[in-house]
Structures are given as C-alpha cells and as structure tokens.
PDB file of all heavy atoms in Angstrom:
ATOM      1  N   ILE A   1      68.141  -8.072 135.007  1.00  0.00           N
ATOM      2  CA  ILE A   1      68.719  -7.053 134.023  1.00  0.00           C
ATOM      3  C   ILE A   1      68.025  -7.172 132.691  1.00  0.00           C
ATOM      4  O   ILE A   1      67.855  -6.063 132.046  1.00  0.00           O
ATOM      5  CB  ILE A   1      70.269  -7.332 133.890  1.00  0.00           C
ATOM      6  CG1 ILE A   1      70.956  -7.081 135.227  1.00  0.00           C
ATOM      7  CG2 ILE A   1      70.866  -6.471 132.773  1.00  0.00           C
ATOM      8  CD1 ILE A   1      72.429  -7.500 135.248  1.00  0.00           C
ATOM      9  N   THR A   2      67.670  -8.288 132.239  1.00  0.00           N
ATOM     10  CA  THR A   2      67.003  -8.471 130.962  1.00  0.00           C
ATOM     11  C   THR A   2      65.610  -7.822 131.035  1.00  0.00           C
ATOM     12  O   THR A   2      65.255  -7.098 130.036  1.00  0.00           O
ATOM     13  CB  THR A   2      66.733 -10.018 130.644  1.00  0.00           C
ATOM     14  OG1 THR A   2      68.031 -10.698 130.601  1.00  0.00           O
ATOM     15  CG2 THR A   2      65.995 -10.181 129.372  1.00  0.00           C
ATOM     16  N   ASP A   3      64.917  -7.886 132.061  1.00  0.00           N
ATOM     17  CA  ASP A   3      63.589  -7.297 132.210  1.00  0.00           C
ATOM     18  C   ASP A   3      63.741  -5.724 132.320  1.00  0.00           C
ATOM     19  O   ASP A   3      62.971  -4.986 131.767  1.00  0.00           O
ATOM     20  CB  ASP A   3      62.814  -7.771 133.424  1.00  0.00           C
ATOM     21  CG  ASP A   3      62.266  -9.148 133.152  1.00  0.00           C
ATOM     22  OD1 ASP A   3      62.077  -9.634 131.916  1.00  0.00           O
ATOM     23  OD2 ASP A   3      62.061  -9.918 134.169  1.00  0.00           O
ATOM     24  N   ALA A   4      64.834  -5.298 133.028  1.00  0.00           N
ATOM     25  CA  ALA A   4      65.080  -3.895 133.054  1.00  0.00           C
ATOM     26  C   ALA A   4      65.372  -3.258 131.689  1.00  0.00           C
ATOM     27  O   ALA A   4      64.959  -2.196 131.351  1.00  0.00           O
ATOM     28  CB  ALA A   4      66.286  -3.620 134.056  1.00  0.00           C
ATOM     29  N   ILE A   5      66.190  -4.029 130.925  1.00  0.00           N
ATOM     30  CA  ILE A   5      66.534  -3.571 129.490  1.00  0.00           C
ATOM     31  C   ILE A   5      65.194  -3.454 128.688  1.00  0.00           C
ATOM     32  O   ILE A   5      65.050  -2.573 127.953  1.00  0.00           O
ATOM     33  CB  ILE A   5      67.497  -4.528 128.841  1.00  0.00           C
ATOM     34  CG1 ILE A   5      68.899  -4.299 129.452  1.00  0.00           C
ATOM     35  CG2 ILE A   5      67.540  -4.291 127.366  1.00  0.00           C
ATOM     36  CD1 ILE A   5      69.943  -5.243 128.981  1.00  0.00           C
ATOM     37  N   ARG A   6      64.323  -4.436 128.851  1.00  0.00           N
ATOM     38  CA  ARG A   6      63.117  -4.449 128.103  1.00  0.00           C
ATOM     39  C   ARG A   6      62.264  -3.281 128.462  1.00  0.00           C
ATOM     40  O   ARG A   6      61.677  -2.599 127.640  1.00  0.00           O
ATOM     41  CB  ARG A   6      62.330  -5.808 128.385  1.00  0.00           C
ATOM     42  CG  ARG A   6      62.898  -7.045 127.779  1.00  0.00           C
ATOM     43  CD  ARG A   6      62.405  -8.303 128.453  1.00  0.00           C
ATOM     44  NE  ARG A   6      62.782  -9.484 127.712  1.00  0.00           N
ATOM     45  CZ  ARG A   6      62.887 -10.650 128.160  1.00  0.00           C
ATOM     46  NH1 ARG A   6      62.412 -10.940 129.413  1.00  0.00           N
ATOM     47  NH2 ARG A   6      63.274 -11.721 127.505  1.00  0.00           N
ATOM     48  N   ALA A   7      62.277  -2.937 129.741  1.00  0.00           N
ATOM     49  CA  ALA A   7      61.412  -1.865 130.173  1.00  0.00           C
ATOM     50  C   ALA A   7      62.011  -0.453 129.644  1.00  0.00           C
ATOM     51  O   ALA A   7      61.207   0.307 129.248  1.00  0.00           O
ATOM     52  CB  ALA A   7      61.394  -1.826 131.755  1.00  0.00           C
ATOM     53  N   GLU A   8      63.248  -0.340 129.750  1.00  0.00           N
ATOM     54  CA  GLU A   8      63.879   0.941 129.276  1.00  0.00           C
ATOM     55  C   GLU A   8      63.795   1.097 127.708  1.00  0.00           C
ATOM     56  O   GLU A   8      63.440   2.089 127.242  1.00  0.00           O
ATOM     57  CB  GLU A   8      65.318   0.988 129.665  1.00  0.00           C
ATOM     58  CG  GLU A   8      65.661   0.993 131.170  1.00  0.00           C
ATOM     59  CD  GLU A   8      64.858   2.104 131.928  1.00  0.00           C
ATOM     60  OE1 GLU A   8      64.571   3.180 131.175  1.00  0.00           O
ATOM     61  OE2 GLU A   8      64.732   1.985 133.119  1.00  0.00           O
ATOM     62  N   ILE A   9      63.894  -0.093 126.989  1.00  0.00           N
ATOM     63  CA  ILE A   9      63.666   0.022 125.486  1.00  0.00           C
ATOM     64  C   ILE A   9      62.298   0.363 125.163  1.00  0.00           C
ATOM     65  O   ILE A   9      61.958   1.221 124.263  1.00  0.00           O
ATOM     66  CB  ILE A   9      64.108  -1.306 124.874  1.00  0.00           C
ATOM     67  CG1 ILE A   9      65.597  -1.485 124.930  1.00  0.00           C
ATOM     68  CG2 ILE A   9      63.572  -1.375 123.442  1.00  0.00           C
ATOM     69  CD1 ILE A   9      66.104  -2.820 124.220  1.00  0.00           C
ATOM     70  N   LEU A  10      61.236  -0.254 125.873  1.00  0.00           N
ATOM     71  CA  LEU A  10      59.827   0.113 125.701  1.00  0.00           C
ATOM     72  C   LEU A  10      59.568   1.646 125.986  1.00  0.00           C
ATOM     73  O   LEU A  10      58.877   2.257 125.231  1.00  0.00           O
ATOM     74  CB  LEU A  10      58.980  -0.820 126.616  1.00  0.00           C
ATOM     75  CG  LEU A  10      58.757  -2.134 126.046  1.00  0.00           C
ATOM     76  CD1 LEU A  10      58.249  -3.036 127.117  1.00  0.00           C
ATOM     77  CD2 LEU A  10      57.849  -2.224 124.869  1.00  0.00           C
ATOM     78  N   GLU A  11      60.237   2.134 127.027  1.00  0.00           N
ATOM     79  CA  GLU A  11      60.023   3.475 127.398  1.00  0.00           C
ATOM     80  C   GLU A  11      60.709   4.465 126.321  1.00  0.00           C
ATOM     81  O   GLU A  11      60.070   5.515 126.097  1.00  0.00           O
ATOM     82  CB  GLU A  11      60.561   3.844 128.835  1.00  0.00           C
ATOM     83  CG  GLU A  11      59.732   3.052 129.889  1.00  0.00           C
ATOM     84  CD  GLU A  11      59.695   3.828 131.134  1.00  0.00           C
ATOM     85  OE1 GLU A  11      60.652   4.557 131.460  1.00  0.00           O
ATOM     86  OE2 GLU A  11      58.638   3.660 131.853  1.00  0.00           O
ATOM     87  N   ILE A  12      61.849   4.009 125.803  1.00  0.00           N
ATOM     88  CA  ILE A  12      62.432   4.832 124.772  1.00  0.00           C
ATOM     89  C   ILE A  12      61.532   4.842 123.498  1.00  0.00           C
ATOM     90  O   ILE A  12      61.390   5.863 122.791  1.00  0.00           O
ATOM     91  CB  ILE A  12      63.776   4.141 124.327  1.00  0.00           C
ATOM     92  CG1 ILE A  12      64.857   4.403 125.544  1.00  0.00           C
ATOM     93  CG2 ILE A  12      64.322   4.840 123.043  1.00  0.00           C
ATOM     94  CD1 ILE A  12      66.136   3.576 125.245  1.00  0.00           C
ATOM     95  N   MET A  13      60.836   3.650 123.242  1.00  0.00           N
ATOM     96  CA  MET A  13      60.051   3.602 122.035  1.00  0.00           C
ATOM     97  C   MET A  13      58.530   4.139 122.275  1.00  0.00           C
ATOM     98  O   MET A  13      57.737   3.979 121.470  1.00  0.00           O
ATOM     99  CB  MET A  13      59.932   2.131 121.705  1.00  0.00           C
ATOM    100  CG  MET A  13      61.275   1.609 121.239  1.00  0.00           C
ATOM    101  SD  MET A  13      62.082   2.427 119.902  1.00  0.00           S
ATOM    102  CE  MET A  13      60.899   2.371 118.617  1.00  0.00           C
ATOM    103  N   GLY A  14      58.402   4.821 123.296  1.00  0.00           N
ATOM    104  CA  GLY A  14      57.050   5.550 123.513  1.00  0.00           C
ATOM    105  C   GLY A  14      56.047   4.925 124.388  1.00  0.00           C
ATOM    106  O   GLY A  14      54.859   5.192 124.210  1.00  0.00           O
ATOM    107  N   TYR A  15      56.439   4.065 125.287  1.00  0.00           N
ATOM    108  CA  TYR A  15      55.544   3.295 126.125  1.00  0.00           C
ATOM    109  C   TYR A  15      55.787   3.652 127.596  1.00  0.00           C
ATOM    110  O   TYR A  15      56.892   3.975 128.036  1.00  0.00           O
ATOM    111  CB  TYR A  15      55.708   1.773 126.072  1.00  0.00           C
ATOM    112  CG  TYR A  15      55.199   1.188 124.737  1.00  0.00           C
ATOM    113  CD1 TYR A  15      55.967   1.140 123.562  1.00  0.00           C
ATOM    114  CD2 TYR A  15      53.931   0.588 124.735  1.00  0.00           C
ATOM    115  CE1 TYR A  15      55.523   0.676 122.459  1.00  0.00           C
ATOM    116  CE2 TYR A  15      53.435   0.057 123.490  1.00  0.00           C
ATOM    117  CZ  TYR A  15      54.276   0.158 122.376  1.00  0.00           C
ATOM    118  OH  TYR A  15      53.784  -0.474 121.161  1.00  0.00           O
ATOM    119  N   LYS A  16      54.625   3.716 128.275  1.00  0.00           N
ATOM    120  CA  LYS A  16      54.755   3.882 129.796  1.00  0.00           C
ATOM    121  C   LYS A  16      54.714   2.483 130.359  1.00  0.00           C
ATOM    122  O   LYS A  16      53.821   1.691 130.126  1.00  0.00           O
ATOM    123  CB  LYS A  16      53.550   4.649 130.315  1.00  0.00           C
ATOM    124  CG  LYS A  16      53.666   6.170 129.924  1.00  0.00           C
ATOM    125  CD  LYS A  16      52.568   6.956 130.568  1.00  0.00           C
ATOM    126  CE  LYS A  16      52.612   8.365 130.213  1.00  0.00           C
ATOM    127  NZ  LYS A  16      51.611   9.260 130.836  1.00  0.00           N
ATOM    128  N   VAL A  17      55.741   2.081 131.186  1.00  0.00           N
ATOM    129  CA  VAL A  17      55.903   0.652 131.566  1.00  0.00           C
ATOM    130  C   VAL A  17      55.719   0.561 133.168  1.00  0.00           C
ATOM    131  O   VAL A  17      56.189   1.368 133.903  1.00  0.00           O
ATOM    132  CB  VAL A  17      57.268   0.243 131.173  1.00  0.00           C
ATOM    133  CG1 VAL A  17      57.552  -1.205 131.644  1.00  0.00           C
ATOM    134  CG2 VAL A  17      57.420   0.316 129.698  1.00  0.00           C
ATOM    135  N   THR A  18      55.039  -0.471 133.398  1.00  0.00           N
ATOM    136  CA  THR A  18      54.837  -0.910 134.844  1.00  0.00           C
ATOM    137  C   THR A  18      55.304  -2.337 134.946  1.00  0.00           C
ATOM    138  O   THR A  18      54.831  -3.176 134.098  1.00  0.00           O
ATOM    139  CB  THR A  18      53.499  -0.787 135.352  1.00  0.00           C
ATOM    140  OG1 THR A  18      52.978   0.562 135.093  1.00  0.00           O
ATOM    141  CG2 THR A  18      53.406  -1.086 136.889  1.00  0.00           C
ATOM    142  N   ILE A  19      56.085  -2.701 135.927  1.00  0.00           N
ATOM    143  CA  ILE A  19      56.455  -4.153 136.125  1.00  0.00           C
ATOM    144  C   ILE A  19      55.802  -4.437 137.443  1.00  0.00           C
ATOM    145  O   ILE A  19      56.050  -3.846 138.454  1.00  0.00           O
ATOM    146  CB  ILE A  19      58.017  -4.361 136.264  1.00  0.00           C
ATOM    147  CG1 ILE A  19      58.655  -4.017 134.845  1.00  0.00           C
ATOM    148  CG2 ILE A  19      58.238  -5.769 136.560  1.00  0.00           C
ATOM    149  CD1 ILE A  19      60.152  -4.214 134.717  1.00  0.00           C
ATOM    150  N   MET A  20      54.916  -5.496 137.378  1.00  0.00           N
ATOM    151  CA  MET A  20      54.118  -5.848 138.566  1.00  0.00           C
ATOM    152  C   MET A  20      54.244  -7.286 138.914  1.00  0.00           C
ATOM    153  O   MET A  20      54.718  -8.102 138.039  1.00  0.00           O
ATOM    154  CB  MET A  20      52.720  -5.481 138.377  1.00  0.00           C
ATOM    155  CG  MET A  20      52.107  -6.127 137.205  1.00  0.00           C
ATOM    156  SD  MET A  20      50.370  -5.443 136.925  1.00  0.00           S
ATOM    157  CE  MET A  20      50.720  -3.843 136.131  1.00  0.00           C
ATOM    158  N   GLU A  21      53.901  -7.603 140.053  1.00  0.00           N
ATOM    159  CA  GLU A  21      53.878  -8.993 140.492  1.00  0.00           C
ATOM    160  C   GLU A  21      52.747  -9.821 139.881  1.00  0.00           C
ATOM    161  O   GLU A  21      51.578  -9.247 139.786  1.00  0.00           O
ATOM    162  CB  GLU A  21      53.794  -9.219 142.012  1.00  0.00           C
ATOM    163  CG  GLU A  21      54.107 -10.585 142.506  1.00  0.00           C
ATOM    164  CD  GLU A  21      54.181 -10.592 144.001  1.00  0.00           C
ATOM    165  OE1 GLU A  21      53.579  -9.829 144.715  1.00  0.00           O
ATOM    166  OE2 GLU A  21      54.850 -11.528 144.517  1.00  0.00           O
ATOM    167  N   PHE A  22      52.924 -10.980 139.436  1.00  0.00           N
ATOM    168  CA  PHE A  22      51.876 -11.781 138.823  1.00  0.00           C
ATOM    169  C   PHE A  22      51.967 -13.198 139.568  1.00  0.00           C
ATOM    170  O   PHE A  22      53.016 -13.494 140.219  1.00  0.00           O
ATOM    171  CB  PHE A  22      52.287 -11.973 137.402  1.00  0.00           C
ATOM    172  CG  PHE A  22      51.122 -12.742 136.605  1.00  0.00           C
ATOM    173  CD1 PHE A  22      49.805 -12.285 136.705  1.00  0.00           C
ATOM    174  CD2 PHE A  22      51.386 -13.793 135.794  1.00  0.00           C
ATOM    175  CE1 PHE A  22      48.761 -12.954 135.978  1.00  0.00           C
ATOM    176  CE2 PHE A  22      50.389 -14.448 135.071  1.00  0.00           C
ATOM    177  CZ  PHE A  22      49.038 -13.937 135.188  1.00  0.00           C
ATOM    178  N   ILE A  23      50.911 -13.966 139.494  1.00  0.00           N
ATOM    179  CA  ILE A  23      50.953 -15.222 140.133  1.00  0.00           C
ATOM    180  C   ILE A  23      51.899 -16.227 139.332  1.00  0.00           C
ATOM    181  O   ILE A  23      51.879 -16.204 138.181  1.00  0.00           O
ATOM    182  CB  ILE A  23      49.480 -15.916 140.210  1.00  0.00           C
ATOM    183  CG1 ILE A  23      48.650 -15.016 141.126  1.00  0.00           C
ATOM    184  CG2 ILE A  23      49.468 -17.341 140.609  1.00  0.00           C
ATOM    185  CD1 ILE A  23      47.123 -15.457 141.199  1.00  0.00           C
ATOM    186  N   ASP A  24      52.557 -17.073 140.064  1.00  0.00           N
ATOM    187  CA  ASP A  24      53.584 -17.880 139.423  1.00  0.00           C
ATOM    188  C   ASP A  24      52.901 -18.738 138.245  1.00  0.00           C
ATOM    189  O   ASP A  24      51.813 -19.252 138.408  1.00  0.00           O
ATOM    190  CB  ASP A  24      54.090 -18.917 140.440  1.00  0.00           C
ATOM    191  CG  ASP A  24      54.900 -18.225 141.490  1.00  0.00           C
ATOM    192  OD1 ASP A  24      55.089 -17.027 141.372  1.00  0.00           O
ATOM    193  OD2 ASP A  24      55.392 -18.905 142.374  1.00  0.00           O
ATOM    194  N   MET A  25      53.653 -18.777 137.183  1.00  0.00           N
ATOM    195  CA  MET A  25      53.060 -19.579 136.058  1.00  0.00           C
ATOM    196  C   MET A  25      53.435 -21.150 136.428  1.00  0.00           C
ATOM    197  O   MET A  25      54.289 -21.396 137.136  1.00  0.00           O
ATOM    198  CB  MET A  25      53.909 -19.309 134.796  1.00  0.00           C
ATOM    199  CG  MET A  25      53.760 -17.811 134.325  1.00  0.00           C
ATOM    200  SD  MET A  25      52.013 -17.367 133.882  1.00  0.00           S
ATOM    201  CE  MET A  25      51.879 -18.178 132.315  1.00  0.00           C
ATOM    202  N   GLU A  26      52.659 -21.926 135.779  1.00  0.00           N
ATOM    203  CA  GLU A  26      52.853 -23.369 135.986  1.00  0.00           C
ATOM    204  C   GLU A  26      54.186 -23.812 135.667  1.00  0.00           C
ATOM    205  O   GLU A  26      54.715 -23.458 134.537  1.00  0.00           O
ATOM    206  CB  GLU A  26      51.828 -24.136 135.158  1.00  0.00           C
ATOM    207  CG  GLU A  26      51.630 -25.647 135.545  1.00  0.00           C
ATOM    208  CD  GLU A  26      50.590 -26.310 134.746  1.00  0.00           C
ATOM    209  OE1 GLU A  26      50.013 -25.694 133.897  1.00  0.00           O
ATOM    210  OE2 GLU A  26      50.340 -27.557 134.994  1.00  0.00           O
ATOM    211  N   HIS A  27      54.861 -24.601 136.474  1.00  0.00           N
ATOM    212  CA  HIS A  27      56.177 -25.132 136.295  1.00  0.00           C
ATOM    213  C   HIS A  27      57.269 -24.110 136.331  1.00  0.00           C
ATOM    214  O   HIS A  27      58.399 -24.414 135.853  1.00  0.00           O
ATOM    215  CB  HIS A  27      56.283 -25.936 134.985  1.00  0.00           C
ATOM    216  CG  HIS A  27      55.220 -26.993 134.803  1.00  0.00           C
ATOM    217  ND1 HIS A  27      54.875 -27.908 135.798  1.00  0.00           N
ATOM    218  CD2 HIS A  27      54.319 -27.227 133.835  1.00  0.00           C
ATOM    219  CE1 HIS A  27      53.897 -28.699 135.448  1.00  0.00           C
ATOM    220  NE2 HIS A  27      53.499 -28.292 134.302  1.00  0.00           N
ATOM    221  N   THR A  28      57.012 -22.857 136.707  1.00  0.00           N
ATOM    222  CA  THR A  28      58.126 -21.939 136.713  1.00  0.00           C
ATOM    223  C   THR A  28      57.919 -20.931 137.869  1.00  0.00           C
ATOM    224  O   THR A  28      56.745 -20.578 138.215  1.00  0.00           O
ATOM    225  CB  THR A  28      58.249 -21.139 135.349  1.00  0.00           C
ATOM    226  OG1 THR A  28      59.192 -20.156 135.589  1.00  0.00           O
ATOM    227  CG2 THR A  28      56.909 -20.506 135.075  1.00  0.00           C
ATOM    228  N   PRO A  29      58.993 -20.500 138.515  1.00  0.00           N
ATOM    229  CA  PRO A  29      58.843 -19.462 139.647  1.00  0.00           C
ATOM    230  C   PRO A  29      58.720 -18.050 139.048  1.00  0.00           C
ATOM    231  O   PRO A  29      58.712 -17.073 139.961  1.00  0.00           O
ATOM    232  CB  PRO A  29      60.102 -19.661 140.466  1.00  0.00           C
ATOM    233  CG  PRO A  29      61.096 -20.102 139.465  1.00  0.00           C
ATOM    234  CD  PRO A  29      60.407 -20.925 138.398  1.00  0.00           C
ATOM    235  N   LYS A  30      58.827 -17.804 137.832  1.00  0.00           N
ATOM    236  CA  LYS A  30      58.825 -16.443 137.290  1.00  0.00           C
ATOM    237  C   LYS A  30      57.348 -15.817 137.531  1.00  0.00           C
ATOM    238  O   LYS A  30      56.374 -16.402 137.192  1.00  0.00           O
ATOM    239  CB  LYS A  30      59.000 -16.406 135.738  1.00  0.00           C
ATOM    240  CG  LYS A  30      60.334 -17.129 135.367  1.00  0.00           C
ATOM    241  CD  LYS A  30      61.604 -16.519 135.997  1.00  0.00           C
ATOM    242  CE  LYS A  30      62.816 -17.300 135.450  1.00  0.00           C
ATOM    243  NZ  LYS A  30      64.107 -16.707 136.132  1.00  0.00           N
ATOM    244  N   ASN A  31      57.347 -14.714 138.185  1.00  0.00           N
ATOM    245  CA  ASN A  31      56.142 -14.072 138.534  1.00  0.00           C
ATOM    246  C   ASN A  31      56.134 -12.534 138.397  1.00  0.00           C
ATOM    247  O   ASN A  31      55.459 -11.840 139.190  1.00  0.00           O
ATOM    248  CB  ASN A  31      55.797 -14.481 139.965  1.00  0.00           C
ATOM    249  CG  ASN A  31      56.699 -13.820 140.922  1.00  0.00           C
ATOM    250  OD1 ASN A  31      57.856 -13.430 140.571  1.00  0.00           O
ATOM    251  ND2 ASN A  31      56.337 -13.723 142.215  1.00  0.00           N
ATOM    252  N   LEU A  32      56.751 -12.056 137.261  1.00  0.00           N
ATOM    253  CA  LEU A  32      56.642 -10.620 136.985  1.00  0.00           C
ATOM    254  C   LEU A  32      55.927 -10.457 135.672  1.00  0.00           C
ATOM    255  O   LEU A  32      56.054 -11.284 134.767  1.00  0.00           O
ATOM    256  CB  LEU A  32      58.080 -10.002 136.866  1.00  0.00           C
ATOM    257  CG  LEU A  32      59.003 -10.034 138.108  1.00  0.00           C
ATOM    258  CD1 LEU A  32      60.342  -9.462 137.810  1.00  0.00           C
ATOM    259  CD2 LEU A  32      58.264  -9.288 139.193  1.00  0.00           C
ATOM    260  N   LEU A  33      55.136  -9.386 135.604  1.00  0.00           N
ATOM    261  CA  LEU A  33      54.459  -9.125 134.438  1.00  0.00           C
ATOM    262  C   LEU A  33      54.879  -7.641 133.971  1.00  0.00           C
ATOM    263  O   LEU A  33      54.904  -6.754 134.817  1.00  0.00           O
ATOM    264  CB  LEU A  33      52.921  -9.192 134.664  1.00  0.00           C
ATOM    265  CG  LEU A  33      52.044  -8.827 133.446  1.00  0.00           C
ATOM    266  CD1 LEU A  33      50.808  -9.800 133.356  1.00  0.00           C
ATOM    267  CD2 LEU A  33      51.607  -7.343 133.392  1.00  0.00           C
ATOM    268  N   ILE A  34      55.196  -7.564 132.770  1.00  0.00           N
ATOM    269  CA  ILE A  34      55.510  -6.187 132.076  1.00  0.00           C
ATOM    270  C   ILE A  34      54.243  -5.695 131.433  1.00  0.00           C
ATOM    271  O   ILE A  34      53.784  -6.304 130.495  1.00  0.00           O
ATOM    272  CB  ILE A  34      56.689  -6.335 131.147  1.00  0.00           C
ATOM    273  CG1 ILE A  34      57.969  -6.847 131.827  1.00  0.00           C
ATOM    274  CG2 ILE A  34      57.015  -4.947 130.572  1.00  0.00           C
ATOM    275  CD1 ILE A  34      59.075  -7.216 130.827  1.00  0.00           C
ATOM    276  N   ARG A  35      53.769  -4.543 131.864  1.00  0.00           N
ATOM    277  CA  ARG A  35      52.647  -3.817 131.226  1.00  0.00           C
ATOM    278  C   ARG A  35      53.185  -2.621 130.568  1.00  0.00           C
ATOM    279  O   ARG A  35      53.793  -1.707 131.232  1.00  0.00           O
ATOM    280  CB  ARG A  35      51.506  -3.545 132.173  1.00  0.00           C
ATOM    281  CG  ARG A  35      50.353  -2.882 131.498  1.00  0.00           C
ATOM    282  CD  ARG A  35      49.154  -2.644 132.422  1.00  0.00           C
ATOM    283  NE  ARG A  35      49.493  -1.791 133.579  1.00  0.00           N
ATOM    284  CZ  ARG A  35      48.657  -1.697 134.624  1.00  0.00           C
ATOM    285  NH1 ARG A  35      47.413  -2.210 134.581  1.00  0.00           N
ATOM    286  NH2 ARG A  35      48.937  -0.851 135.584  1.00  0.00           N
ATOM    287  N   ALA A  36      52.989  -2.413 129.348  1.00  0.00           N
ATOM    288  CA  ALA A  36      53.389  -1.253 128.495  1.00  0.00           C
ATOM    289  C   ALA A  36      52.344  -0.697 127.759  1.00  0.00           C
ATOM    290  O   ALA A  36      51.509  -1.343 126.951  1.00  0.00           O
ATOM    291  CB  ALA A  36      54.455  -1.710 127.575  1.00  0.00           C
ATOM    292  N   VAL A  37      51.996   0.619 127.970  1.00  0.00           N
ATOM    293  CA  VAL A  37      50.902   1.332 127.372  1.00  0.00           C
ATOM    294  C   VAL A  37      51.444   2.421 126.487  1.00  0.00           C
ATOM    295  O   VAL A  37      52.255   3.256 126.991  1.00  0.00           O
ATOM    296  CB  VAL A  37      49.977   1.974 128.449  1.00  0.00           C
ATOM    297  CG1 VAL A  37      48.869   2.757 127.748  1.00  0.00           C
ATOM    298  CG2 VAL A  37      49.389   0.899 129.431  1.00  0.00           C
TER     299      VAL A  37
END
C-alpha cells in the first residue's frame, strides 16, 4: 500500500511511474524498484 501511494502521488505530481522487479538487496527480501520519469 505504501508503494502504491508513492506511485499515485508521483503521478499526481507529473511523473510517469513504473514499478518493476529488481534483484534482492543485501540482507532484505525487498525487490521492487519505482521508476518515475
């Protein structure tokens, strides 16, 4: 939900957003990357 809120706020503020899979960071299973143009 947090990442979804971030994406929508970015789109409100004039960004085109893509959330994509990323390789797991060290010591954490989080593997999503938010790209905003």
